[in-house]
C-alpha atoms as a PDB file:
ATOM      1  CA  MET A   1      90.011  80.063 104.667  1.00  0.00           C
ATOM      2  CA  SER A   2      86.427  79.932 105.795  1.00  0.00           C
ATOM      3  CA  GLU A   3      83.964  78.936 103.074  1.00  0.00           C
ATOM      4  CA  ASP A   4      81.406  81.370 104.508  1.00  0.00           C
ATOM      5  CA  ILE A   5      83.820  84.290 104.185  1.00  0.00           C
ATOM      6  CA  LEU A   6      84.839  83.189 100.687  1.00  0.00           C
ATOM      7  CA  ASP A   7      81.173  83.057  99.698  1.00  0.00           C
ATOM      8  CA  THR A   8      80.628  86.531 101.161  1.00  0.00           C
ATOM      9  CA  ILE A   9      83.580  87.939  99.196  1.00  0.00           C
ATOM     10  CA  LYS A  10      82.414  86.298  95.961  1.00  0.00           C
ATOM     11  CA  GLU A  11      78.871  87.633  96.470  1.00  0.00           C
ATOM     12  CA  GLN A  12      80.151  91.161  97.158  1.00  0.00           C
ATOM     13  CA  ILE A  13      82.338  91.163  94.044  1.00  0.00           C
ATOM     14  CA  GLU A  14      79.587  89.705  91.827  1.00  0.00           C
ATOM     15  CA  ALA A  15      76.870  92.032  93.177  1.00  0.00           C
ATOM     16  CA  ASN A  16      78.802  95.278  92.671  1.00  0.00           C
ATOM     17  CA  PRO A  17      80.228  96.420  89.334  1.00  0.00           C
ATOM     18  CA  ILE A  18      82.804  98.465  91.260  1.00  0.00           C
ATOM     19  CA  ILE A  19      83.890  97.514  94.770  1.00  0.00           C
ATOM     20  CA  LEU A  20      86.827  98.734  96.786  1.00  0.00           C
ATOM     21  CA  TYR A  21      88.208  96.825  99.740  1.00  0.00           C
ATOM     22  CA  MET A  22      89.851  99.548 101.799  1.00  0.00           C
ATOM     23  CA  LYS A  23      90.873 100.690 105.250  1.00  0.00           C
ATOM     24  CA  GLY A  24      88.103 102.951 106.528  1.00  0.00           C
ATOM     25  CA  SER A  25      85.388 104.491 104.368  1.00  0.00           C
ATOM     26  CA  PRO A  26      85.475 106.840 101.369  1.00  0.00           C
ATOM     27  CA  ALA A  27      84.450 109.688 103.701  1.00  0.00           C
ATOM     28  CA  ALA A  28      87.070 108.759 106.306  1.00  0.00           C
ATOM     29  CA  PRO A  29      89.902 106.663 104.846  1.00  0.00           C
ATOM     30  CA  GLN A  30      92.199 105.165 107.473  1.00  0.00           C
ATOM     31  CA  CYS A  31      95.378 105.042 105.367  1.00  0.00           C
ATOM     32  CA  GLY A  32      96.982 107.152 102.670  1.00  0.00           C
ATOM     33  CA  PHE A  33      96.781 104.425 100.021  1.00  0.00           C
ATOM     34  CA  SER A  34      93.037 104.025 100.556  1.00  0.00           C
ATOM     35  CA  ALA A  35      92.599 107.820 100.466  1.00  0.00           C
ATOM     36  CA  GLN A  36      94.516 108.099  97.176  1.00  0.00           C
ATOM     37  CA  THR A  37      92.514 105.283  95.578  1.00  0.00           C
ATOM     38  CA  VAL A  38      89.214 106.851  96.688  1.00  0.00           C
ATOM     39  CA  GLN A  39      90.274 110.197  95.178  1.00  0.00           C
ATOM     40  CA  CYS A  40      90.898 108.512  91.816  1.00  0.00           C
ATOM     41  CA  LEU A  41      87.543 106.711  91.911  1.00  0.00           C
ATOM     42  CA  VAL A  42      85.594 109.796  92.971  1.00  0.00           C
ATOM     43  CA  ALA A  43      87.200 111.760  90.138  1.00  0.00           C
ATOM     44  CA  CYS A  44      85.787 109.184  87.692  1.00  0.00           C
ATOM     45  CA  GLY A  45      82.296 110.326  88.706  1.00  0.00           C
ATOM     46  CA  GLN A  46      80.646 106.954  89.287  1.00  0.00           C
ATOM     47  CA  ARG A  47      79.242 105.404  92.451  1.00  0.00           C
ATOM     48  CA  PHE A  48      81.134 102.483  93.905  1.00  0.00           C
ATOM     49  CA  ALA A  49      80.695 100.050  96.758  1.00  0.00           C
ATOM     50  CA  TYR A  50      83.264  99.604  99.473  1.00  0.00           C
ATOM     51  CA  VAL A  51      84.084  97.276 102.340  1.00  0.00           C
ATOM     52  CA  ASP A  52      85.982  98.544 105.371  1.00  0.00           C
ATOM     53  CA  ILE A  53      88.433  95.736 106.072  1.00  0.00           C
ATOM     54  CA  LEU A  54      89.266  97.209 109.481  1.00  0.00           C
ATOM     55  CA  SER A  55      85.745  96.493 110.703  1.00  0.00           C
ATOM     56  CA  ASN A  56      85.646  93.144 108.837  1.00  0.00           C
ATOM     57  CA  PRO A  57      88.724  91.256 110.114  1.00  0.00           C
ATOM     58  CA  GLU A  58      87.668  87.947 108.536  1.00  0.00           C
ATOM     59  CA  ILE A  59      87.501  89.566 105.093  1.00  0.00           C
ATOM     60  CA  ARG A  60      90.805  91.320 105.783  1.00  0.00           C
ATOM     61  CA  ALA A  61      92.416  87.961 106.585  1.00  0.00           C
ATOM     62  CA  THR A  62      90.849  86.025 103.697  1.00  0.00           C
ATOM     63  CA  LEU A  63      90.862  88.424 100.727  1.00  0.00           C
ATOM     64  CA  PRO A  64      94.653  88.350 100.142  1.00  0.00           C
ATOM     65  CA  GLN A  65      94.536  84.570  99.610  1.00  0.00           C
ATOM     66  CA  TYR A  66      91.368  84.795  97.497  1.00  0.00           C
ATOM     67  CA  ALA A  67      92.887  87.408  95.213  1.00  0.00           C
ATOM     68  CA  ASN A  68      96.537  86.358  95.486  1.00  0.00           C
ATOM     69  CA  TRP A  69      97.151  90.050  96.209  1.00  0.00           C
ATOM     70  CA  PRO A  70      98.718  90.759  99.616  1.00  0.00           C
ATOM     71  CA  THR A  71      97.948  94.438 100.188  1.00  0.00           C
ATOM     72  CA  PHE A  72      95.034  96.847 100.530  1.00  0.00           C
ATOM     73  CA  PRO A  73      93.228  98.626  99.028  1.00  0.00           C
ATOM     74  CA  GLN A  74      91.995  96.210  96.362  1.00  0.00           C
ATOM     75  CA  LEU A  75      89.734  97.414  93.550  1.00  0.00           C
ATOM     76  CA  TYR A  76      87.458  95.037  91.659  1.00  0.00           C
ATOM     77  CA  VAL A  77      85.735  96.144  88.464  1.00  0.00           C
ATOM     78  CA  SER A  78      83.240  93.859  86.709  1.00  0.00           C
ATOM     79  CA  GLY A  79      84.305  90.966  88.918  1.00  0.00           C
ATOM     80  CA  GLU A  80      88.021  91.293  88.161  1.00  0.00           C
ATOM     81  CA  LEU A  81      90.807  92.491  90.430  1.00  0.00           C
ATOM     82  CA  VAL A  82      92.266  95.641  88.895  1.00  0.00           C
ATOM     83  CA  GLY A  83      94.889  96.212  91.568  1.00  0.00           C
ATOM     84  CA  GLY A  84      95.930  98.423  94.429  1.00  0.00           C
ATOM     85  CA  CYS A  85      96.765 102.062  94.923  1.00  0.00           C
ATOM     86  CA  ASP A  86      99.791 102.293  92.609  1.00  0.00           C
ATOM     87  CA  ILE A  87      98.036 100.608  89.685  1.00  0.00           C
ATOM     88  CA  ILE A  88      94.815 102.603  90.171  1.00  0.00           C
ATOM     89  CA  THR A  89      96.734 105.879  90.388  1.00  0.00           C
ATOM     90  CA  GLU A  90      98.731 105.068  87.227  1.00  0.00           C
ATOM     91  CA  MET A  91      95.559 104.094  85.372  1.00  0.00           C
ATOM     92  CA  PHE A  92      93.825 107.291  86.491  1.00  0.00           C
ATOM     93  CA  GLU A  93      96.747 109.495  85.457  1.00  0.00           C
ATOM     94  CA  SER A  94      97.030 107.784  82.048  1.00  0.00           C
ATOM     95  CA  GLY A  95      93.277 108.107  81.414  1.00  0.00           C
ATOM     96  CA  GLU A  96      92.602 104.352  81.482  1.00  0.00           C
ATOM     97  CA  LEU A  97      90.605 104.216  84.712  1.00  0.00           C
ATOM     98  CA  GLU A  98      87.624 106.423  83.871  1.00  0.00           C
ATOM     99  CA  PRO A  99      86.507 104.510  80.737  1.00  0.00           C
ATOM    100  CA  LEU A 100      86.926 101.197  82.603  1.00  0.00           C
ATOM    101  CA  ILE A 101      84.771 102.459  85.486  1.00  0.00           C
ATOM    102  CA  LYS A 102      82.109 103.925  83.168  1.00  0.00           C
ATOM    103  CA  SER A 103      81.846 100.758  81.071  1.00  0.00           C
ATOM    104  CA  ALA A 104      81.430  98.636  84.221  1.00  0.00           C
ATOM    105  CA  VAL A 105      78.573 100.836  85.419  1.00  0.00           C
ATOM    106  CA  GLU A 106      76.902 100.844  81.995  1.00  0.00           C
ATOM    107  CA  ALA A 107      77.168  97.055  81.701  1.00  0.00           C
ATOM    108  CA  ALA A 108      75.652  96.468  85.146  1.00  0.00           C
END
């Protein structure tokens, strides 16, 4: 793992209360899992940052080792990995995601 890429990832996660590492962009997701995760986040009504891992191959290669999480998308809230599509969707459906997202934005 490149130290420069690790530093970039750490800076992105620390600088953004909510950041999604995804395939594509929120306006044009490039996979169904990324699209589903974006829908859940948008429904929470807060702005969030994103990184398109398809146009950032070094981040795509490094993030799974950094997070010990092999798949994408990956959602970080307040510096912590929350999870991928299945976890985010479950949290949204159970009502857990929106308060987590709102508290992260308020604390920032």
